[in-house]
Structures are given as C-alpha cells and as structure tokens.
Amino acid sequence: SLRGSADLIAYQTSKHAVLGLLRGAAMYGGPLGIRVNAVAPGIVPT
C-alpha cells in the first residue's frame, strides 16, 4: 500500500485502494464514534 513494484501490479493497486477506503471510512465514522484503522504487514509467508 505504501511503495511501488514492477510486479504484482493488481495486488499493489488494490492495496493502495484499501487506504482510500480507510481514510474515507475514518472520516465518515469519526463523528459517529466508529474508528477505522489498518495494519500494513510486511513479508509474512503464509
């Protein structure tokens, strides 16, 4: 979500988009008492 890469283009784009949803949801939810945050994992083999 935070950096660029020459591969995994669709994944990279999708994870940048998640941050757009995060910020919009946090702005909307804040006055309602609803918190929205995100975790950004690095390399975690699963």
All heavy atoms as atom14 arrays in JSON, in Angstrom:
{
  "sequence": "SLRGSADLIAYQTSKHAVLGLLRGAAMYGGPLGIRVNAVAPGIVPT",
  "atom14_mask": [
    [1, 1, 1, 1, 1, 1, 0, 0, 0, 0, 0, 0, 0, 0],
    [1, 1, 1, 1, 1, 1, 1, 1, 0, 0, 0, 0, 0, 0],
    [1, 1, 1, 1, 1, 1, 1, 1, 1, 1, 1, 0, 0, 0],
    [1, 1, 1, 1, 0, 0, 0, 0, 0, 0, 0, 0, 0, 0],
    [1, 1, 1, 1, 1, 1, 0, 0, 0, 0, 0, 0, 0, 0],
    [1, 1, 1, 1, 1, 0, 0, 0, 0, 0, 0, 0, 0, 0],
    [1, 1, 1, 1, 1, 1, 1, 1, 0, 0, 0, 0, 0, 0],
    [1, 1, 1, 1, 1, 1, 1, 1, 0, 0, 0, 0, 0, 0],
    [1, 1, 1, 1, 1, 1, 1, 1, 0, 0, 0, 0, 0, 0],
    [1, 1, 1, 1, 1, 0, 0, 0, 0, 0, 0, 0, 0, 0],
    [1, 1, 1, 1, 1, 1, 1, 1, 1, 1, 1, 1, 0, 0],
    [1, 1, 1, 1, 1, 1, 1, 1, 1, 0, 0, 0, 0, 0],
    [1, 1, 1, 1, 1, 1, 1, 0, 0, 0, 0, 0, 0, 0],
    [1, 1, 1, 1, 1, 1, 0, 0, 0, 0, 0, 0, 0, 0],
    [1, 1, 1, 1, 1, 1, 1, 1, 1, 0, 0, 0, 0, 0],
    [1, 1, 1, 1, 1, 1, 1, 1, 1, 1, 0, 0, 0, 0],
    [1, 1, 1, 1, 1, 0, 0, 0, 0, 0, 0, 0, 0, 0],
    [1, 1, 1, 1, 1, 1, 1, 0, 0, 0, 0, 0, 0, 0],
    [1, 1, 1, 1, 1, 1, 1, 1, 0, 0, 0, 0, 0, 0],
    [1, 1, 1, 1, 0, 0, 0, 0, 0, 0, 0, 0, 0, 0],
    [1, 1, 1, 1, 1, 1, 1, 1, 0, 0, 0, 0, 0, 0],
    [1, 1, 1, 1, 1, 1, 1, 1, 0, 0, 0, 0, 0, 0],
    [1, 1, 1, 1, 1, 1, 1, 1, 1, 1, 1, 0, 0, 0],
    [1, 1, 1, 1, 0, 0, 0, 0, 0, 0, 0, 0, 0, 0],
    [1, 1, 1, 1, 1, 0, 0, 0, 0, 0, 0, 0, 0, 0],
    [1, 1, 1, 1, 1, 0, 0, 0, 0, 0, 0, 0, 0, 0],
    [1, 1, 1, 1, 1, 1, 1, 1, 0, 0, 0, 0, 0, 0],
    [1, 1, 1, 1, 1, 1, 1, 1, 1, 1, 1, 1, 0, 0],
    [1, 1, 1, 1, 0, 0, 0, 0, 0, 0, 0, 0, 0, 0],
    [1, 1, 1, 1, 0, 0, 0, 0, 0, 0, 0, 0, 0, 0],
    [1, 1, 1, 1, 1, 1, 1, 0, 0, 0, 0, 0, 0, 0],
    [1, 1, 1, 1, 1, 1, 1, 1, 0, 0, 0, 0, 0, 0],
    [1, 1, 1, 1, 0, 0, 0, 0, 0, 0, 0, 0, 0, 0],
    [1, 1, 1, 1, 1, 1, 1, 1, 0, 0, 0, 0, 0, 0],
    [1, 1, 1, 1, 1, 1, 1, 1, 1, 1, 1, 0, 0, 0],
    [1, 1, 1, 1, 1, 1, 1, 0, 0, 0, 0, 0, 0, 0],
    [1, 1, 1, 1, 1, 1, 1, 1, 0, 0, 0, 0, 0, 0],
    [1, 1, 1, 1, 1, 0, 0, 0, 0, 0, 0, 0, 0, 0],
    [1, 1, 1, 1, 1, 1, 1, 0, 0, 0, 0, 0, 0, 0],
    [1, 1, 1, 1, 1, 0, 0, 0, 0, 0, 0, 0, 0, 0],
    [1, 1, 1, 1, 1, 1, 1, 0, 0, 0, 0, 0, 0, 0],
    [1, 1, 1, 1, 0, 0, 0, 0, 0, 0, 0, 0, 0, 0],
    [1, 1, 1, 1, 1, 1, 1, 1, 0, 0, 0, 0, 0, 0],
    [1, 1, 1, 1, 1, 1, 1, 0, 0, 0, 0, 0, 0, 0],
    [1, 1, 1, 1, 1, 1, 1, 0, 0, 0, 0, 0, 0, 0],
    [1, 1, 1, 1, 1, 1, 1, 0, 0, 0, 0, 0, 0, 0]
  ],
  "atom14_positions": [
    [[0.82, -1.2, 0.0], [0.0, 0.0, 0.0], [0.86, 1.26, 0.0], [0.37, 2.35, -0.32], [-0.88, 0.04, 1.25], [-1.74, -1.05, 1.34], [0.0, 0.0, 0.0], [0.0, 0.0, 0.0], [0.0, 0.0, 0.0], [0.0, 0.0, 0.0], [0.0, 0.0, 0.0], [0.0, 0.0, 0.0], [0.0, 0.0, 0.0], [0.0, 0.0, 0.0]],
    [[2.13, 1.11, 0.37], [2.98, 2.27, 0.65], [4.11, 2.47, -0.35], [4.71, 3.54, -0.38], [3.61, 2.1, 2.05], [2.63, 1.76, 3.18], [3.41, 1.45, 4.46], [1.65, 2.88, 3.4], [0.0, 0.0, 0.0], [0.0, 0.0, 0.0], [0.0, 0.0, 0.0], [0.0, 0.0, 0.0], [0.0, 0.0, 0.0], [0.0, 0.0, 0.0]],
    [[4.4, 1.46, -1.15], [5.55, 1.52, -2.05], [5.17, 0.96, -3.42], [4.1, 0.4, -3.6], [6.72, 0.71, -1.48], [7.24, 1.2, -0.14], [7.97, 2.53, -0.26], [8.55, 2.92, 1.01], [7.94, 3.69, 1.92], [6.7, 4.11, 1.69], [8.55, 4.02, 3.04], [0.0, 0.0, 0.0], [0.0, 0.0, 0.0], [0.0, 0.0, 0.0]],
    [[6.09, 1.09, -4.38], [5.85, 0.59, -5.73], [6.65, -0.65, -6.03], [7.62, -0.98, -5.34], [0.0, 0.0, 0.0], [0.0, 0.0, 0.0], [0.0, 0.0, 0.0], [0.0, 0.0, 0.0], [0.0, 0.0, 0.0], [0.0, 0.0, 0.0], [0.0, 0.0, 0.0], [0.0, 0.0, 0.0], [0.0, 0.0, 0.0], [0.0, 0.0, 0.0]],
    [[6.23, -1.36, -7.07], [6.93, -2.57, -7.52], [6.6, -2.79, -8.98], [5.54, -2.37, -9.46], [6.47, -3.77, -6.69], [7.0, -4.97, -7.22], [0.0, 0.0, 0.0], [0.0, 0.0, 0.0], [0.0, 0.0, 0.0], [0.0, 0.0, 0.0], [0.0, 0.0, 0.0], [0.0, 0.0, 0.0], [0.0, 0.0, 0.0], [0.0, 0.0, 0.0]],
    [[7.51, -3.46, -9.68], [7.29, -3.73, -11.11], [6.46, -4.98, -11.35], [6.14, -5.3, -12.49], [8.63, -3.86, -11.83], [0.0, 0.0, 0.0], [0.0, 0.0, 0.0], [0.0, 0.0, 0.0], [0.0, 0.0, 0.0], [0.0, 0.0, 0.0], [0.0, 0.0, 0.0], [0.0, 0.0, 0.0], [0.0, 0.0, 0.0], [0.0, 0.0, 0.0]],
    [[6.14, -5.7, -10.27], [5.31, -6.89, -10.43], [4.15, -6.8, -9.42], [3.98, -5.8, -8.73], [6.13, -8.17, -10.23], [6.79, -8.26, -8.86], [6.57, -7.34, -8.03], [7.53, -9.22, -8.61], [0.0, 0.0, 0.0], [0.0, 0.0, 0.0], [0.0, 0.0, 0.0], [0.0, 0.0, 0.0], [0.0, 0.0, 0.0], [0.0, 0.0, 0.0]],
    [[3.33, -7.84, -9.37], [2.15, -7.84, -8.5], [1.34, -6.56, -8.68], [0.88, -5.94, -7.72], [2.57, -7.99, -7.03], [2.97, -9.39, -6.57], [3.55, -9.33, -5.17], [1.78, -10.35, -6.61], [0.0, 0.0, 0.0], [0.0, 0.0, 0.0], [0.0, 0.0, 0.0], [0.0, 0.0, 0.0], [0.0, 0.0, 0.0], [0.0, 0.0, 0.0]],
    [[1.16, -6.17, -9.94], [0.53, -4.88, -10.26], [-0.89, -4.79, -9.7], [-1.27, -3.79, -9.09], [0.51, -4.65, -11.78], [1.94, -4.65, -12.34], [-0.2, -3.34, -12.11], [2.85, -3.62, -11.76], [0.0, 0.0, 0.0], [0.0, 0.0, 0.0], [0.0, 0.0, 0.0], [0.0, 0.0, 0.0], [0.0, 0.0, 0.0], [0.0, 0.0, 0.0]],
    [[-1.69, -5.83, -9.92], [-3.07, -5.79, -9.45], [-3.12, -5.75, -7.93], [-3.9, -4.97, -7.35], [-3.84, -7.0, -9.98], [0.0, 0.0, 0.0], [0.0, 0.0, 0.0], [0.0, 0.0, 0.0], [0.0, 0.0, 0.0], [0.0, 0.0, 0.0], [0.0, 0.0, 0.0], [0.0, 0.0, 0.0], [0.0, 0.0, 0.0], [0.0, 0.0, 0.0]],
    [[-2.31, -6.54, -7.28], [-2.28, -6.56, -5.81], [-1.86, -5.2, -5.27], [-2.49, -4.66, -4.34], [-1.31, -7.64, -5.34], [-1.19, -7.74, -3.83], [-2.15, -8.41, -3.08], [-0.11, -7.17, -3.16], [-2.05, -8.5, -1.7], [0.0, -7.25, -1.78], [-0.98, -7.92, -1.06], [-0.88, -8.01, 0.3], [0.0, 0.0, 0.0], [0.0, 0.0, 0.0]],
    [[-0.79, -4.66, -5.82], [-0.29, -3.37, -5.38], [-1.36, -2.28, -5.53], [-1.59, -1.48, -4.62], [0.95, -3.01, -6.2], [1.57, -1.68, -5.87], [2.74, -1.4, -6.78], [3.38, -0.39, -6.64], [3.04, -2.27, -7.72], [0.0, 0.0, 0.0], [0.0, 0.0, 0.0], [0.0, 0.0, 0.0], [0.0, 0.0, 0.0], [0.0, 0.0, 0.0]],
    [[-2.04, -2.27, -6.69], [-3.09, -1.29, -6.92], [-4.22, -1.46, -5.92], [-4.74, -0.48, -5.36], [-3.63, -1.45, -8.35], [-2.56, -1.29, -9.29], [-4.72, -0.42, -8.65], [0.0, 0.0, 0.0], [0.0, 0.0, 0.0], [0.0, 0.0, 0.0], [0.0, 0.0, 0.0], [0.0, 0.0, 0.0], [0.0, 0.0, 0.0], [0.0, 0.0, 0.0]],
    [[-4.61, -2.71, -5.67], [-5.71, -2.96, -4.74], [-5.37, -2.5, -3.33], [-6.23, -1.96, -2.62], [-6.06, -4.45, -4.74], [-5.08, -5.24, -4.08], [0.0, 0.0, 0.0], [0.0, 0.0, 0.0], [0.0, 0.0, 0.0], [0.0, 0.0, 0.0], [0.0, 0.0, 0.0], [0.0, 0.0, 0.0], [0.0, 0.0, 0.0], [0.0, 0.0, 0.0]],
    [[-4.14, -2.7, -2.91], [-3.77, -2.32, -1.55], [-3.61, -0.8, -1.4], [-3.81, -0.26, -0.3], [-2.51, -3.06, -1.12], [-2.74, -4.56, -0.9], [-3.82, -4.82, 0.15], [-4.01, -6.29, 0.44], [-5.02, -6.54, 1.5], [0.0, 0.0, 0.0], [0.0, 0.0, 0.0], [0.0, 0.0, 0.0], [0.0, 0.0, 0.0], [0.0, 0.0, 0.0]],
    [[-3.26, -0.11, -2.47], [-3.32, 1.35, -2.43], [-4.78, 1.8, -2.28], [-5.08, 2.74, -1.54], [-2.71, 1.95, -3.7], [-1.23, 2.1, -3.65], [-0.35, 1.04, -3.64], [-0.45, 3.21, -3.6], [0.9, 1.49, -3.6], [0.86, 2.81, -3.56], [0.0, 0.0, 0.0], [0.0, 0.0, 0.0], [0.0, 0.0, 0.0], [0.0, 0.0, 0.0]],
    [[-5.68, 1.12, -2.98], [-7.1, 1.48, -2.91], [-7.67, 1.26, -1.52], [-8.55, 2.01, -1.07], [-7.89, 0.67, -3.93], [0.0, 0.0, 0.0], [0.0, 0.0, 0.0], [0.0, 0.0, 0.0], [0.0, 0.0, 0.0], [0.0, 0.0, 0.0], [0.0, 0.0, 0.0], [0.0, 0.0, 0.0], [0.0, 0.0, 0.0], [0.0, 0.0, 0.0]],
    [[-7.17, 0.24, -0.81], [-7.64, -0.01, 0.55], [-7.41, 1.21, 1.44], [-8.24, 1.55, 2.29], [-6.95, -1.26, 1.14], [-7.16, -1.35, 2.65], [-7.48, -2.52, 0.47], [0.0, 0.0, 0.0], [0.0, 0.0, 0.0], [0.0, 0.0, 0.0], [0.0, 0.0, 0.0], [0.0, 0.0, 0.0], [0.0, 0.0, 0.0], [0.0, 0.0, 0.0]],
    [[-6.31, 1.92, 1.22], [-6.04, 3.11, 2.02], [-7.02, 4.24, 1.7], [-7.36, 5.04, 2.58], [-4.61, 3.59, 1.81], [-3.5, 2.63, 2.24], [-2.16, 3.35, 2.27], [-3.79, 2.0, 3.59], [0.0, 0.0, 0.0], [0.0, 0.0, 0.0], [0.0, 0.0, 0.0], [0.0, 0.0, 0.0], [0.0, 0.0, 0.0], [0.0, 0.0, 0.0]],
    [[-7.49, 4.31, 0.45], [-8.52, 5.28, 0.13], [-9.81, 4.99, 0.87], [-10.46, 5.9, 1.42], [0.0, 0.0, 0.0], [0.0, 0.0, 0.0], [0.0, 0.0, 0.0], [0.0, 0.0, 0.0], [0.0, 0.0, 0.0], [0.0, 0.0, 0.0], [0.0, 0.0, 0.0], [0.0, 0.0, 0.0], [0.0, 0.0, 0.0], [0.0, 0.0, 0.0]],
    [[-10.18, 3.72, 0.91], [-11.37, 3.32, 1.67], [-11.17, 3.58, 3.16], [-12.09, 4.03, 3.86], [-11.68, 1.85, 1.42], [-12.23, 1.51, 0.04], [-12.2, 0.0, -0.19], [-13.66, 2.04, -0.11], [0.0, 0.0, 0.0], [0.0, 0.0, 0.0], [0.0, 0.0, 0.0], [0.0, 0.0, 0.0], [0.0, 0.0, 0.0], [0.0, 0.0, 0.0]],
    [[-9.98, 3.28, 3.67], [-9.68, 3.52, 5.07], [-9.91, 4.98, 5.45], [-10.6, 5.28, 6.44], [-8.22, 3.15, 5.35], [-7.62, 3.7, 6.65], [-8.21, 3.0, 7.85], [-6.1, 3.59, 6.64], [0.0, 0.0, 0.0], [0.0, 0.0, 0.0], [0.0, 0.0, 0.0], [0.0, 0.0, 0.0], [0.0, 0.0, 0.0], [0.0, 0.0, 0.0]],
    [[-9.35, 5.88, 4.68], [-9.42, 7.29, 5.05], [-10.83, 7.85, 4.92], [-11.27, 8.64, 5.76], [-8.41, 8.07, 4.22], [-6.99, 7.75, 4.68], [-5.91, 8.07, 3.7], [-4.61, 7.68, 4.26], [-3.56, 7.31, 3.53], [-3.66, 7.27, 2.22], [-2.43, 6.98, 4.11], [0.0, 0.0, 0.0], [0.0, 0.0, 0.0], [0.0, 0.0, 0.0]],
    [[-11.54, 7.43, 3.88], [-12.93, 7.86, 3.75], [-13.79, 7.33, 4.89], [-14.62, 8.06, 5.45], [0.0, 0.0, 0.0], [0.0, 0.0, 0.0], [0.0, 0.0, 0.0], [0.0, 0.0, 0.0], [0.0, 0.0, 0.0], [0.0, 0.0, 0.0], [0.0, 0.0, 0.0], [0.0, 0.0, 0.0], [0.0, 0.0, 0.0], [0.0, 0.0, 0.0]],
    [[-13.59, 6.06, 5.25], [-14.38, 5.46, 6.32], [-14.06, 6.08, 7.67], [-14.95, 6.28, 8.51], [-14.13, 3.95, 6.37], [0.0, 0.0, 0.0], [0.0, 0.0, 0.0], [0.0, 0.0, 0.0], [0.0, 0.0, 0.0], [0.0, 0.0, 0.0], [0.0, 0.0, 0.0], [0.0, 0.0, 0.0], [0.0, 0.0, 0.0], [0.0, 0.0, 0.0]],
    [[-12.77, 6.39, 7.91], [-12.39, 7.01, 9.18], [-12.98, 8.4, 9.3], [-13.44, 8.81, 10.38], [-10.87, 7.06, 9.31], [0.0, 0.0, 0.0], [0.0, 0.0, 0.0], [0.0, 0.0, 0.0], [0.0, 0.0, 0.0], [0.0, 0.0, 0.0], [0.0, 0.0, 0.0], [0.0, 0.0, 0.0], [0.0, 0.0, 0.0], [0.0, 0.0, 0.0]],
    [[-13.0, 9.15, 8.2], [-13.6, 10.48, 8.22], [-15.1, 10.4, 8.47], [-15.66, 11.18, 9.25], [-13.32, 11.19, 6.89], [-11.88, 11.62, 6.71], [-11.35, 12.91, 7.86], [-12.37, 14.28, 7.32], [0.0, 0.0, 0.0], [0.0, 0.0, 0.0], [0.0, 0.0, 0.0], [0.0, 0.0, 0.0], [0.0, 0.0, 0.0], [0.0, 0.0, 0.0]],
    [[-15.75, 9.46, 7.82], [-17.19, 9.31, 7.99], [-17.53, 8.79, 9.38], [-18.48, 9.25, 10.03], [-17.75, 8.35, 6.93], [-19.25, 8.18, 7.03], [-20.11, 9.09, 6.44], [-19.8, 7.11, 7.72], [-21.49, 8.95, 6.55], [-21.17, 6.95, 7.84], [-22.02, 7.88, 7.25], [-23.37, 7.73, 7.37], [0.0, 0.0, 0.0], [0.0, 0.0, 0.0]],
    [[-16.76, 7.84, 9.84], [-17.09, 7.18, 11.1], [-16.7, 7.94, 12.34], [-17.32, 7.76, 13.4], [0.0, 0.0, 0.0], [0.0, 0.0, 0.0], [0.0, 0.0, 0.0], [0.0, 0.0, 0.0], [0.0, 0.0, 0.0], [0.0, 0.0, 0.0], [0.0, 0.0, 0.0], [0.0, 0.0, 0.0], [0.0, 0.0, 0.0], [0.0, 0.0, 0.0]],
    [[-15.71, 8.8, 12.25], [-15.22, 9.51, 13.42], [-16.3, 10.22, 14.23], [-16.43, 10.01, 15.44], [0.0, 0.0, 0.0], [0.0, 0.0, 0.0], [0.0, 0.0, 0.0], [0.0, 0.0, 0.0], [0.0, 0.0, 0.0], [0.0, 0.0, 0.0], [0.0, 0.0, 0.0], [0.0, 0.0, 0.0], [0.0, 0.0, 0.0], [0.0, 0.0, 0.0]],
    [[-17.1, 11.08, 13.59], [-18.14, 11.79, 14.34], [-19.2, 10.86, 14.93], [-19.93, 11.25, 15.84], [-18.76, 12.72, 13.28], [-17.69, 12.9, 12.27], [-16.99, 11.58, 12.21], [0.0, 0.0, 0.0], [0.0, 0.0, 0.0], [0.0, 0.0, 0.0], [0.0, 0.0, 0.0], [0.0, 0.0, 0.0], [0.0, 0.0, 0.0], [0.0, 0.0, 0.0]],
    [[-19.27, 9.63, 14.42], [-20.24, 8.66, 14.92], [-19.67, 7.8, 16.04], [-20.36, 6.95, 16.59], [-20.71, 7.75, 13.77], [-21.35, 8.45, 12.57], [-21.61, 7.44, 11.45], [-22.63, 9.15, 12.98], [0.0, 0.0, 0.0], [0.0, 0.0, 0.0], [0.0, 0.0, 0.0], [0.0, 0.0, 0.0], [0.0, 0.0, 0.0], [0.0, 0.0, 0.0]],
    [[-18.39, 7.99, 16.34], [-17.75, 7.17, 17.35], [-17.26, 5.83, 16.84], [-16.99, 4.92, 17.63], [0.0, 0.0, 0.0], [0.0, 0.0, 0.0], [0.0, 0.0, 0.0], [0.0, 0.0, 0.0], [0.0, 0.0, 0.0], [0.0, 0.0, 0.0], [0.0, 0.0, 0.0], [0.0, 0.0, 0.0], [0.0, 0.0, 0.0], [0.0, 0.0, 0.0]],
    [[-17.13, 5.72, 15.52], [-16.66, 4.48, 14.9], [-15.23, 4.69, 14.4], [-14.99, 5.56, 13.56], [-17.57, 4.06, 13.73], [-19.0, 3.84, 14.23], [-17.03, 2.81, 13.03], [-20.03, 3.74, 13.11], [0.0, 0.0, 0.0], [0.0, 0.0, 0.0], [0.0, 0.0, 0.0], [0.0, 0.0, 0.0], [0.0, 0.0, 0.0], [0.0, 0.0, 0.0]],
    [[-14.31, 3.9, 14.91], [-12.92, 4.02, 14.5], [-12.58, 3.01, 13.4], [-13.04, 1.86, 13.46], [-11.98, 3.8, 15.69], [-12.13, 4.83, 16.79], [-11.05, 4.7, 17.85], [-11.09, 3.42, 18.55], [-10.26, 2.42, 18.33], [-9.32, 2.49, 17.41], [-10.36, 1.28, 19.03], [0.0, 0.0, 0.0], [0.0, 0.0, 0.0], [0.0, 0.0, 0.0]],
    [[-11.79, 3.44, 12.43], [-11.34, 2.56, 11.36], [-9.84, 2.74, 11.18], [-9.37, 3.86, 10.93], [-12.06, 2.87, 10.03], [-11.67, 1.84, 8.96], [-13.57, 2.9, 10.21], [0.0, 0.0, 0.0], [0.0, 0.0, 0.0], [0.0, 0.0, 0.0], [0.0, 0.0, 0.0], [0.0, 0.0, 0.0], [0.0, 0.0, 0.0], [0.0, 0.0, 0.0]],
    [[-9.09, 1.66, 11.33], [-7.64, 1.69, 11.16], [-7.2, 0.52, 10.29], [-8.0, -0.36, 9.97], [-6.95, 1.62, 12.53], [-7.15, 2.87, 13.35], [-6.59, 3.92, 13.05], [-7.98, 2.78, 14.39], [0.0, 0.0, 0.0], [0.0, 0.0, 0.0], [0.0, 0.0, 0.0], [0.0, 0.0, 0.0], [0.0, 0.0, 0.0], [0.0, 0.0, 0.0]],
    [[-5.94, 0.53, 9.92], [-5.42, -0.55, 9.07], [-4.06, -1.01, 9.56], [-3.27, -0.22, 10.1], [-5.31, -0.08, 7.62], [0.0, 0.0, 0.0], [0.0, 0.0, 0.0], [0.0, 0.0, 0.0], [0.0, 0.0, 0.0], [0.0, 0.0, 0.0], [0.0, 0.0, 0.0], [0.0, 0.0, 0.0], [0.0, 0.0, 0.0], [0.0, 0.0, 0.0]],
    [[-3.8, -2.27, 9.36], [-2.48, -2.84, 9.6], [-1.85, -3.09, 8.24], [-2.52, -3.53, 7.3], [-2.57, -4.13, 10.43], [-3.38, -5.21, 9.71], [-1.19, -4.66, 10.77], [0.0, 0.0, 0.0], [0.0, 0.0, 0.0], [0.0, 0.0, 0.0], [0.0, 0.0, 0.0], [0.0, 0.0, 0.0], [0.0, 0.0, 0.0], [0.0, 0.0, 0.0]],
    [[-0.57, -2.76, 8.12], [0.15, -2.95, 6.86], [1.27, -3.96, 7.07], [2.39, -3.6, 7.44], [0.72, -1.63, 6.35], [0.0, 0.0, 0.0], [0.0, 0.0, 0.0], [0.0, 0.0, 0.0], [0.0, 0.0, 0.0], [0.0, 0.0, 0.0], [0.0, 0.0, 0.0], [0.0, 0.0, 0.0], [0.0, 0.0, 0.0], [0.0, 0.0, 0.0]],
    [[0.97, -5.25, 6.88], [2.01, -6.28, 7.07], [3.11, -6.16, 6.03], [2.88, -5.76, 4.88], [1.23, -7.6, 6.89], [-0.21, -7.24, 7.07], [-0.33, -5.85, 6.55], [0.0, 0.0, 0.0], [0.0, 0.0, 0.0], [0.0, 0.0, 0.0], [0.0, 0.0, 0.0], [0.0, 0.0, 0.0], [0.0, 0.0, 0.0], [0.0, 0.0, 0.0]],
    [[4.3, -6.53, 6.46], [5.4, -6.66, 5.52], [5.44, -8.08, 5.0], [4.42, -8.62, 4.59], [0.0, 0.0, 0.0], [0.0, 0.0, 0.0], [0.0, 0.0, 0.0], [0.0, 0.0, 0.0], [0.0, 0.0, 0.0], [0.0, 0.0, 0.0], [0.0, 0.0, 0.0], [0.0, 0.0, 0.0], [0.0, 0.0, 0.0], [0.0, 0.0, 0.0]],
    [[6.6, -8.69, 5.02], [6.74, -10.04, 4.48], [6.35, -11.05, 5.55], [7.06, -11.23, 6.55], [8.18, -10.27, 3.99], [8.47, -9.34, 2.8], [8.38, -11.72, 3.59], [9.87, -9.45, 2.26], [0.0, 0.0, 0.0], [0.0, 0.0, 0.0], [0.0, 0.0, 0.0], [0.0, 0.0, 0.0], [0.0, 0.0, 0.0], [0.0, 0.0, 0.0]],
    [[5.21, -11.68, 5.34], [4.7, -12.68, 6.26], [4.31, -13.92, 5.43], [3.22, -13.97, 4.87], [3.48, -12.18, 7.06], [3.02, -13.23, 8.05], [3.81, -10.87, 7.77], [0.0, 0.0, 0.0], [0.0, 0.0, 0.0], [0.0, 0.0, 0.0], [0.0, 0.0, 0.0], [0.0, 0.0, 0.0], [0.0, 0.0, 0.0], [0.0, 0.0, 0.0]],
    [[5.17, -14.9, 5.3], [4.86, -16.09, 4.49], [3.71, -16.88, 5.09], [3.74, -17.26, 6.26], [6.16, -16.9, 4.52], [7.22, -15.93, 4.95], [6.53, -14.95, 5.86], [0.0, 0.0, 0.0], [0.0, 0.0, 0.0], [0.0, 0.0, 0.0], [0.0, 0.0, 0.0], [0.0, 0.0, 0.0], [0.0, 0.0, 0.0], [0.0, 0.0, 0.0]],
    [[2.69, -17.12, 4.3], [1.56, -17.96, 4.72], [1.22, -18.92, 3.59], [1.79, -18.84, 2.49], [0.31, -17.11, 5.04], [-0.19, -16.54, 3.82], [0.63, -16.0, 6.03], [0.0, 0.0, 0.0], [0.0, 0.0, 0.0], [0.0, 0.0, 0.0], [0.0, 0.0, 0.0], [0.0, 0.0, 0.0], [0.0, 0.0, 0.0], [0.0, 0.0, 0.0]]
  ]
}
